Protein backbone atom coordinates (compact mmCIF):
# COMPACT_ATOMS: atom_id res chain seq x y z
CA MET A 1 0.08 0.21 0.08
CA THR A 2 1.34 3.51 -1.28
CA ASP A 3 1.53 6.09 1.91
CA GLN A 4 -1.31 8.90 1.63
CA LYS A 5 -0.06 12.46 0.86
CA ARG A 6 -0.78 14.43 4.06
CA ILE A 7 -3.08 17.49 3.65
CA LEU A 8 -3.51 19.98 6.15
CA LEU A 9 -6.66 22.10 5.66
CA ALA A 10 -6.64 25.68 7.06
CA GLU A 11 -10.49 27.20 7.00
CA PRO A 12 -10.53 30.14 8.70
CA TYR A 13 -14.67 30.41 8.16
CA PHE A 14 -16.03 26.71 7.82
CA GLY A 15 -19.00 27.48 7.10
CA GLY A 16 -21.67 27.47 4.32
CA SER A 17 -20.03 26.64 0.69
CA HIS A 18 -16.65 26.27 2.40
CA ARG A 19 -17.70 23.71 4.77
CA ASP A 20 -19.26 21.46 2.02
CA PHE A 21 -16.79 21.99 -0.25
CA LEU A 22 -13.97 20.37 2.39
CA ALA A 23 -16.51 17.78 3.63
CA GLY A 24 -17.03 16.66 -0.01
CA LEU A 25 -12.89 16.65 -0.63
CA GLN A 26 -12.06 14.69 2.33
CA ALA A 27 -15.59 12.13 1.98
CA HIS A 28 -14.09 12.04 -2.41
CA VAL A 29 -10.63 12.09 -2.73
CA ASP A 30 -8.41 9.61 -0.84
CA MET A 31 -5.54 11.66 0.85
CA ASP A 32 -4.88 11.76 4.23
CA PHE A 33 -6.71 15.49 5.82
CA THR A 34 -6.40 17.12 8.75
CA LEU A 35 -8.65 20.09 9.38
CA LEU A 36 -8.22 23.49 11.08
CA THR A 37 -11.04 25.70 11.51
CA LEU A 38 -12.37 28.64 12.90
CA PRO A 39 -16.73 29.16 13.23
CA ALA A 40 -18.05 31.29 10.08
CA ARG A 41 -18.25 34.69 11.65
CA LYS A 42 -16.81 38.20 10.17
CA TRP A 43 -15.62 36.99 7.52
CA LYS A 44 -13.49 40.30 7.45
CA MET A 45 -12.09 39.53 11.01
CA ARG A 46 -10.92 36.47 9.87
CA MET A 47 -9.36 37.33 6.95
CA GLN A 48 -7.53 40.07 8.72
CA THR A 49 -6.88 37.83 11.90
CA ALA A 50 -6.51 34.36 11.47
CA ALA A 51 -3.06 33.53 10.30
CA PRO A 52 -0.68 33.99 12.97
CA TRP A 53 -3.56 31.63 15.02
CA LEU A 54 -3.35 29.20 12.79
CA ALA A 55 0.65 29.24 12.34
CA ASN A 56 0.38 28.88 16.26
CA GLN A 57 -1.76 25.83 15.38
CA ILE A 58 0.67 24.48 13.14
CA THR A 59 3.70 24.73 15.05
CA ASP A 60 2.39 23.14 17.58
CA LEU A 61 1.24 20.22 15.42
CA TYR A 62 4.47 19.87 14.11
CA GLN A 63 6.06 19.80 17.82
CA ARG A 64 3.99 16.89 18.22
CA GLY A 65 5.02 15.21 15.76
CA GLN A 66 2.57 15.65 13.11
CA ARG A 67 4.17 15.97 9.44
CA PHE A 68 2.30 17.15 6.57
CA ASP A 69 2.52 17.62 2.67
CA GLY A 70 0.11 20.29 1.59
CA LEU A 71 -1.48 22.92 2.62
CA LEU A 72 -5.16 24.04 1.49
CA CYS A 73 -7.04 26.65 2.30
CA SER A 74 -9.54 29.30 0.95
CA THR A 75 -8.89 33.11 0.52
CA PHE A 76 -10.65 33.69 3.76
CA LEU A 77 -6.32 33.26 5.01
CA ASP A 78 -4.18 35.59 4.56
CA LEU A 79 -1.65 33.41 3.33
CA ALA A 80 1.34 35.53 3.02
CA VAL A 81 1.72 36.66 6.53
CA LEU A 82 1.05 32.81 7.57
CA ARG A 83 3.35 31.38 6.12
CA THR A 84 6.20 34.19 6.90
CA LEU A 85 5.03 33.66 10.55
CA LEU A 86 5.72 29.01 10.00
CA ALA A 87 8.73 30.22 8.30
CA ARG A 88 10.06 31.73 11.66
CA THR A 89 9.93 28.48 13.12
CA GLY A 90 11.03 26.56 10.46
CA ILE A 91 8.00 25.19 8.64
CA ASN A 92 7.68 25.40 4.70
CA LEU A 93 5.02 23.31 3.77
CA PRO A 94 3.57 24.02 -0.27
CA ALA A 95 0.34 25.77 -0.31
CA GLY A 96 -2.73 25.24 -2.75
CA VAL A 97 -5.70 28.37 -2.08
CA TYR A 98 -9.10 27.86 -3.62
CA PHE A 99 -10.91 30.75 -4.57
CA HIS A 100 -14.50 30.00 -3.82
CA GLU A 101 -14.55 33.68 -4.54
CA ASN A 102 -12.88 36.89 -4.60
CA GLN A 103 -12.54 40.71 -3.09
CA PHE A 104 -11.85 42.66 -6.52
CA ALA A 105 -15.12 41.32 -7.43
CA TYR A 106 -17.12 40.76 -4.58
CA PRO A 107 -20.10 43.65 -4.76
CA GLY A 108 -21.05 45.58 -1.46
CA ARG A 109 -23.95 48.23 -1.32
CA ILE A 110 -22.27 50.91 0.35
CA ARG A 111 -18.57 50.74 -0.77
CA ASP A 112 -16.67 50.23 1.99
CA PRO A 113 -13.26 52.50 2.84
CA GLY A 114 -11.25 49.61 3.39
CA TYR A 115 -12.28 48.11 0.96
CA PHE A 116 -8.11 47.62 -0.48
CA GLN A 117 -7.32 45.88 2.01
CA PHE A 118 -9.60 42.70 1.44
CA THR A 119 -8.69 43.15 -2.16
CA ASN A 120 -4.86 43.44 -1.50
CA ILE A 121 -5.02 40.09 0.80
CA ASN A 122 -6.75 38.56 -1.97
CA TRP A 123 -3.61 39.82 -4.05
CA THR A 124 -0.57 38.71 -1.61
CA THR A 125 -2.34 35.27 -0.78
CA ALA A 126 -2.35 34.91 -4.87
CA LEU A 127 1.27 35.37 -5.09
CA CYS A 128 3.04 33.55 -2.21
CA ALA A 129 0.83 30.30 -3.21
CA ASP A 130 2.26 27.53 -5.41
CA LEU A 131 -1.31 26.77 -7.34
CA LEU A 132 -4.03 28.48 -6.92
CA ALA A 133 -7.35 26.81 -8.35
CA PHE A 134 -11.02 28.62 -9.20
CA ASN A 135 -13.90 27.82 -8.57
CA SER A 136 -14.96 29.36 -12.27
CA ARG A 137 -13.88 30.97 -15.36
CA PHE A 138 -15.51 33.64 -14.38
CA ASN A 139 -14.46 34.11 -10.71
CA PHE A 140 -10.70 33.31 -12.92
CA ASP A 141 -11.53 35.98 -15.28
CA ALA A 142 -12.29 38.16 -12.83
CA PHE A 143 -9.91 38.42 -10.33
CA LEU A 144 -7.32 38.97 -13.08
CA ALA A 145 -9.18 41.80 -14.49
CA GLY A 146 -9.18 43.28 -10.78
CA ILE A 147 -5.50 42.96 -10.44
CA ALA A 148 -4.32 44.29 -13.58
CA LYS A 149 -6.62 47.32 -13.21
CA PHE A 150 -5.34 47.61 -9.30
CA VAL A 151 -1.40 47.17 -10.08
CA SER A 152 -1.92 49.73 -13.23
CA ARG A 153 -2.48 52.25 -11.00
CA VAL A 154 0.59 52.03 -8.73
CA PRO A 155 3.37 54.90 -9.42
CA ASP A 156 6.57 54.89 -10.23
CA ILE A 157 7.18 50.76 -10.43
CA SER A 158 5.88 48.18 -12.91
CA LEU A 159 3.79 45.06 -11.57
CA ALA A 160 2.59 42.98 -14.87
CA GLY A 161 4.91 40.38 -13.99
CA CYS A 162 2.65 39.83 -10.86
CA ILE A 163 -0.21 38.61 -13.37
CA GLN A 164 1.71 36.39 -15.48
CA ASP A 165 3.07 34.84 -12.26
CA ILE A 166 -0.81 33.89 -10.91
CA LYS A 167 -1.92 33.14 -14.34
CA ALA A 168 1.19 30.57 -14.58
CA LYS A 169 -0.12 28.45 -11.53
CA SER A 170 -4.25 29.44 -11.69
CA THR A 171 -6.31 26.01 -13.18
CA VAL A 172 -10.27 26.18 -12.83
CA LEU A 173 -11.76 23.03 -10.96
CA TYR A 174 -15.35 23.84 -10.70
CA PRO A 175 -16.19 22.46 -6.32
CA GLY A 176 -17.49 19.00 -6.45
CA ILE A 177 -21.67 19.17 -5.39
CA ASP A 178 -23.03 16.61 -3.03
CA PHE A 179 -26.24 15.21 -4.91
CA SER A 180 -26.77 12.42 -2.28
CA ALA A 181 -30.35 13.77 -0.77
CA ILE A 182 -31.34 15.11 -3.59
CA ASP A 183 -30.39 11.51 -5.25
CA GLN A 184 -31.90 9.86 -2.51
CA SER A 185 -35.39 12.18 -2.26
CA GLN A 186 -35.80 11.25 -5.95
CA PRO A 187 -34.54 7.98 -7.09
CA SER A 188 -35.35 8.98 -10.39
CA ALA A 189 -36.06 12.14 -12.24
CA THR A 190 -38.70 10.58 -14.35
CA GLY A 191 -40.37 8.29 -11.84
CA ARG A 192 -42.96 11.64 -10.07
CA PRO A 193 -46.57 10.74 -11.81
CA CYS A 194 -48.02 13.81 -14.45
CA ARG A 195 -48.11 16.75 -12.83
CA LYS A 196 -52.27 17.51 -13.30
CA ASN A 197 -52.12 21.26 -12.24
CA ARG A 198 -49.72 23.79 -12.40
CA PRO A 199 -46.64 24.37 -13.16
CA VAL A 200 -43.60 24.50 -10.25
CA VAL A 201 -40.82 27.40 -10.18
CA VAL A 202 -38.34 27.13 -7.42
CA TRP A 203 -35.65 29.97 -6.20
CA ASN A 204 -33.64 29.10 -3.64
CA HIS A 205 -30.53 31.64 -3.04
CA ARG A 206 -29.43 33.61 -0.33
CA TRP A 207 -31.98 36.13 0.72
CA GLU A 208 -29.28 38.47 0.47
CA HIS A 209 -29.41 42.24 -2.49
CA ASP A 210 -26.75 40.44 -4.68
CA LYS A 211 -29.31 37.53 -5.71
CA ASP A 212 -31.58 40.23 -6.63
CA PRO A 213 -34.45 38.99 -5.09
CA ASP A 214 -36.75 42.29 -5.93
CA SER A 215 -36.43 41.42 -9.83
CA PHE A 216 -37.41 37.72 -9.26
CA PHE A 217 -41.08 39.13 -7.31
CA SER A 218 -41.32 41.96 -9.80
CA ALA A 219 -41.37 39.39 -12.64
CA MET A 220 -43.80 36.97 -10.29
CA ASN A 221 -46.04 39.37 -10.35
CA ASP A 222 -45.97 40.75 -13.37
CA LEU A 223 -46.95 36.79 -14.84
CA ALA A 224 -49.57 36.43 -11.44
CA LYS A 225 -51.20 39.11 -13.73
CA ILE A 226 -51.14 37.46 -17.53
CA GLY A 227 -50.82 34.04 -16.41
CA PRO A 228 -50.05 30.79 -16.77
CA ASP A 229 -50.99 29.78 -13.31
CA PHE A 230 -47.62 28.12 -10.99
CA GLY A 231 -46.91 27.61 -8.00
CA LEU A 232 -44.26 29.05 -5.72
CA ILE A 233 -41.83 27.15 -3.76
CA VAL A 234 -38.67 30.05 -2.17
CA LEU A 235 -35.77 28.35 -0.15
CA GLY A 236 -32.50 29.94 0.96
CA GLN A 237 -30.28 31.20 3.65
CA GLN A 238 -32.21 34.00 5.87
CA PHE A 239 -29.73 36.94 7.84
CA ARG A 240 -31.30 39.07 10.43
CA ASP A 241 -31.38 41.74 8.25
CA GLN A 242 -33.53 40.80 4.74
CA PRO A 243 -34.74 42.43 2.07
CA GLN A 244 -38.32 44.04 2.61
CA VAL A 245 -39.47 42.44 -0.46
CA PHE A 246 -39.38 39.18 1.03
CA ALA A 247 -42.45 39.83 3.12
CA ARG A 248 -44.07 41.91 0.62
CA ALA A 249 -43.90 38.75 -1.55
CA ARG A 250 -44.87 36.47 0.75
CA GLU A 251 -48.66 38.56 0.82
CA GLN A 252 -49.11 39.22 -2.77
CA LEU A 253 -47.98 35.92 -4.19
CA GLY A 254 -50.04 34.19 -0.89
CA ARG A 255 -51.98 31.47 -3.69
CA HIS A 256 -49.05 30.57 -5.44
CA ILE A 257 -46.86 29.54 -2.34
CA ILE A 258 -46.38 26.31 -1.48
CA HIS A 259 -43.09 27.05 0.56
CA PHE A 260 -41.66 30.12 1.93
CA GLY A 261 -38.36 29.86 3.95
CA TYR A 262 -35.51 28.10 5.27
CA ALA A 263 -35.78 24.39 4.80
CA PRO A 264 -34.18 23.20 7.45
CA ASN A 265 -32.02 20.12 6.98
CA ARG A 266 -31.21 18.71 3.61
CA ASP A 267 -34.05 16.41 3.20
CA GLN A 268 -36.57 18.75 3.62
CA TYR A 269 -35.06 21.08 0.87
CA ALA A 270 -34.10 18.18 -1.83
CA ALA A 271 -37.83 16.52 -1.47
CA LEU A 272 -39.09 20.64 -2.11
CA LEU A 273 -36.70 20.84 -5.19
CA GLY A 274 -38.45 17.63 -6.27
CA GLN A 275 -41.85 19.17 -5.89
CA ALA A 276 -40.21 22.10 -8.60
CA ASP A 277 -40.43 22.09 -12.13
CA LEU A 278 -38.51 25.79 -13.11
CA VAL A 279 -35.46 27.13 -11.15
CA VAL A 280 -34.91 30.99 -11.62
CA SER A 281 -32.02 33.12 -10.97
CA THR A 282 -32.14 36.70 -11.10
CA ALA A 283 -28.36 37.09 -9.06
CA ARG A 284 -26.21 39.87 -9.69
CA HIS A 285 -23.14 38.61 -8.59
CA GLU A 286 -22.65 34.65 -9.11
CA PHE A 287 -18.95 33.45 -8.98
CA PHE A 288 -20.66 29.45 -9.70
CA GLY A 289 -23.97 28.70 -8.27
CA ILE A 290 -24.43 25.84 -6.49
CA SER A 291 -27.84 26.12 -5.40
CA VAL A 292 -29.89 25.96 -9.51
CA LEU A 293 -26.90 22.83 -9.90
CA GLU A 294 -28.93 21.80 -7.03
CA ALA A 295 -32.25 21.86 -8.75
CA VAL A 296 -31.38 20.92 -12.10
CA ARG A 297 -30.20 17.79 -10.09
CA ALA A 298 -33.93 16.96 -9.15
CA GLY A 299 -34.96 17.87 -12.45
CA CYS A 300 -35.92 21.60 -12.86
CA ARG A 301 -35.42 23.24 -16.23
CA PRO A 302 -33.16 26.06 -15.28
CA LEU A 303 -33.48 30.04 -15.84
CA VAL A 304 -30.38 32.41 -15.42
CA PRO A 305 -29.40 35.86 -16.81
CA ASP A 306 -26.81 35.46 -19.33
CA ARG A 307 -24.48 36.86 -17.06
CA LEU A 308 -21.54 35.73 -14.29
CA SER A 309 -20.58 32.27 -13.85
CA TYR A 310 -23.77 31.07 -15.77
CA VAL A 311 -22.46 31.56 -18.82
CA GLU A 312 -19.92 28.91 -18.57
CA LEU A 313 -22.64 26.74 -16.98
CA TYR A 314 -25.90 26.91 -19.24
CA PRO A 315 -26.36 26.83 -22.98
CA ASP A 316 -28.12 29.67 -24.37
CA ARG A 317 -30.89 28.45 -24.21
CA PHE A 318 -31.17 28.51 -20.68
CA ARG A 319 -30.04 31.76 -20.58
CA TYR A 320 -32.19 35.57 -20.23
CA GLN A 321 -31.39 38.87 -21.21
CA ASP A 322 -31.73 41.47 -18.83
CA ASN A 323 -35.35 43.04 -19.26
CA ALA A 324 -36.87 40.31 -20.13
CA LEU A 325 -37.38 37.50 -18.07
CA VAL A 326 -40.67 37.98 -17.55
CA GLN A 327 -41.37 36.92 -21.46
CA SER A 328 -38.49 34.14 -20.64
CA LEU A 329 -40.76 32.22 -17.68
CA VAL A 330 -43.42 32.59 -20.16
CA ARG A 331 -42.28 30.92 -22.65
CA ALA A 332 -39.89 28.34 -19.85
CA LEU A 333 -43.31 27.57 -18.92
CA ALA A 334 -44.31 26.38 -22.31
CA GLU A 335 -41.51 24.30 -22.90
CA LEU A 336 -41.83 22.28 -19.81
CA PRO A 337 -40.92 19.13 -20.54
CA ALA A 338 -43.49 15.90 -19.41
CA PRO A 339 -42.27 13.89 -16.80
CA ASP A 340 -40.62 11.32 -18.22
CA GLN A 341 -38.07 13.46 -20.05
CA ARG A 342 -37.25 15.18 -16.69
CA ALA A 343 -33.97 12.87 -16.62
CA ARG A 344 -32.09 15.72 -19.15
CA TYR A 345 -31.81 17.96 -16.63
CA HIS A 346 -30.58 15.10 -13.63
CA HIS A 347 -28.33 13.91 -16.19
CA MET A 348 -27.16 17.47 -17.10
CA ALA A 349 -26.06 18.49 -13.21
CA ALA A 350 -24.03 15.43 -13.27
CA ARG A 351 -20.24 16.57 -14.46
CA TYR A 352 -20.35 18.68 -11.23
CA GLY A 353 -21.06 16.27 -8.70
CA TRP A 354 -18.45 14.74 -6.23
CA PRO A 355 -17.75 10.92 -8.00
CA PHE A 356 -17.43 13.15 -11.76
CA VAL A 357 -14.33 15.78 -10.08
CA ALA A 358 -13.02 13.61 -7.22
CA GLN A 359 -10.27 12.28 -9.73
CA GLN A 360 -9.51 16.11 -10.72
CA TYR A 361 -8.67 17.32 -7.26
CA ARG A 362 -6.64 14.62 -6.57
CA ASP A 363 -4.39 15.39 -9.13
CA TRP A 364 -4.22 19.01 -8.54
CA LEU A 365 -3.14 18.08 -4.97
CA ASP A 366 -0.93 15.42 -5.93
CA ARG A 367 -0.12 18.46 -8.26
CA LEU A 368 0.90 21.00 -4.91
CA CYS A 369 2.93 18.26 -3.08
CA GLY A 370 5.05 18.16 -5.84
CA GLN A 371 6.11 21.46 -5.26
CA PRO A 372 9.59 22.25 -3.47
CA ALA A 373 9.88 19.96 -0.23
CA ALA A 374 8.43 20.75 2.55
CA THR A 375 10.66 21.22 5.79
CA PHE A 376 10.20 22.01 9.40
CA LEU A 377 13.25 22.77 11.07
CA ASP A 378 13.38 21.52 15.22
CA ASN A 379 14.96 24.82 16.86
CA SER A 380 13.59 22.88 20.33
């Protein structure tokens, strides 16, 4: 038996898609993983302060005899600070970074005066990493465009070479998705009885402004006036402060609503997706878009904007132009397949599941571990 590569996973924001990604990585990639995490709170503070804490934790692991072949972290870590602190203790680990997002392309409703410190952490993290992986081509291109704009403003010096360096060590790896709950809830995407009443639309995104719920509910109100009749399922993570449009929509669209709110567990979430026929996104910001693919796996036809990561994930016929959402909804509902043809969407999502992408991650992590040898100088 060959020795497994030992990968240290350092995640200062262990929640949501970051947590799900690491869980899938550990379940589907045959390597020896060790996990160091902090709760998913106050992401700005995590970016600014997690590195010293992680450096202490890693140093303690080494002093107790543990060794690793590589380090994998996300962009919520200031890798430049971490590697510097570890170097002082003699620890040198090949470091890879997975970009779930990047701060150059992250929209804010109010411009933060400290915005540039977070883009700069992303940039210096990319510079000092050995390998970089992005969850979509859109994310990668947006990051490079942000860096190019940033360095073009720097007086007196040229930093163009940094962009080429980052390009050379970057790849796009779509995040593996765990479809198990959906597949168990819908053993066959073709096994549902024929719907005799109305088609069902689902919107399953975070209840925040960057997902543009105003446009979605405006379109649904217009659709309710012109027909056809439809059912509505609204899912997604909620927060203490949420756009007021949700409360209005719950009242205005009451007769259409089947479910309105967060699903407390994966099984209920999967079952609700299985009731829907059409999944809609109105996102103004999306680096990948797992929620739409989850609905597609459940057999839903996608209807997504002609922008962001959706351009590389979905053919033209599933994308709509701005100001054409209502017309696209009417057409999509009219073109919904019969229940015995829903499998086309179920299979369309397969290439994003962990069984499909696991080997790509294994190869990438093997490549990471093949970077200059990890060292540890015991100065005790």
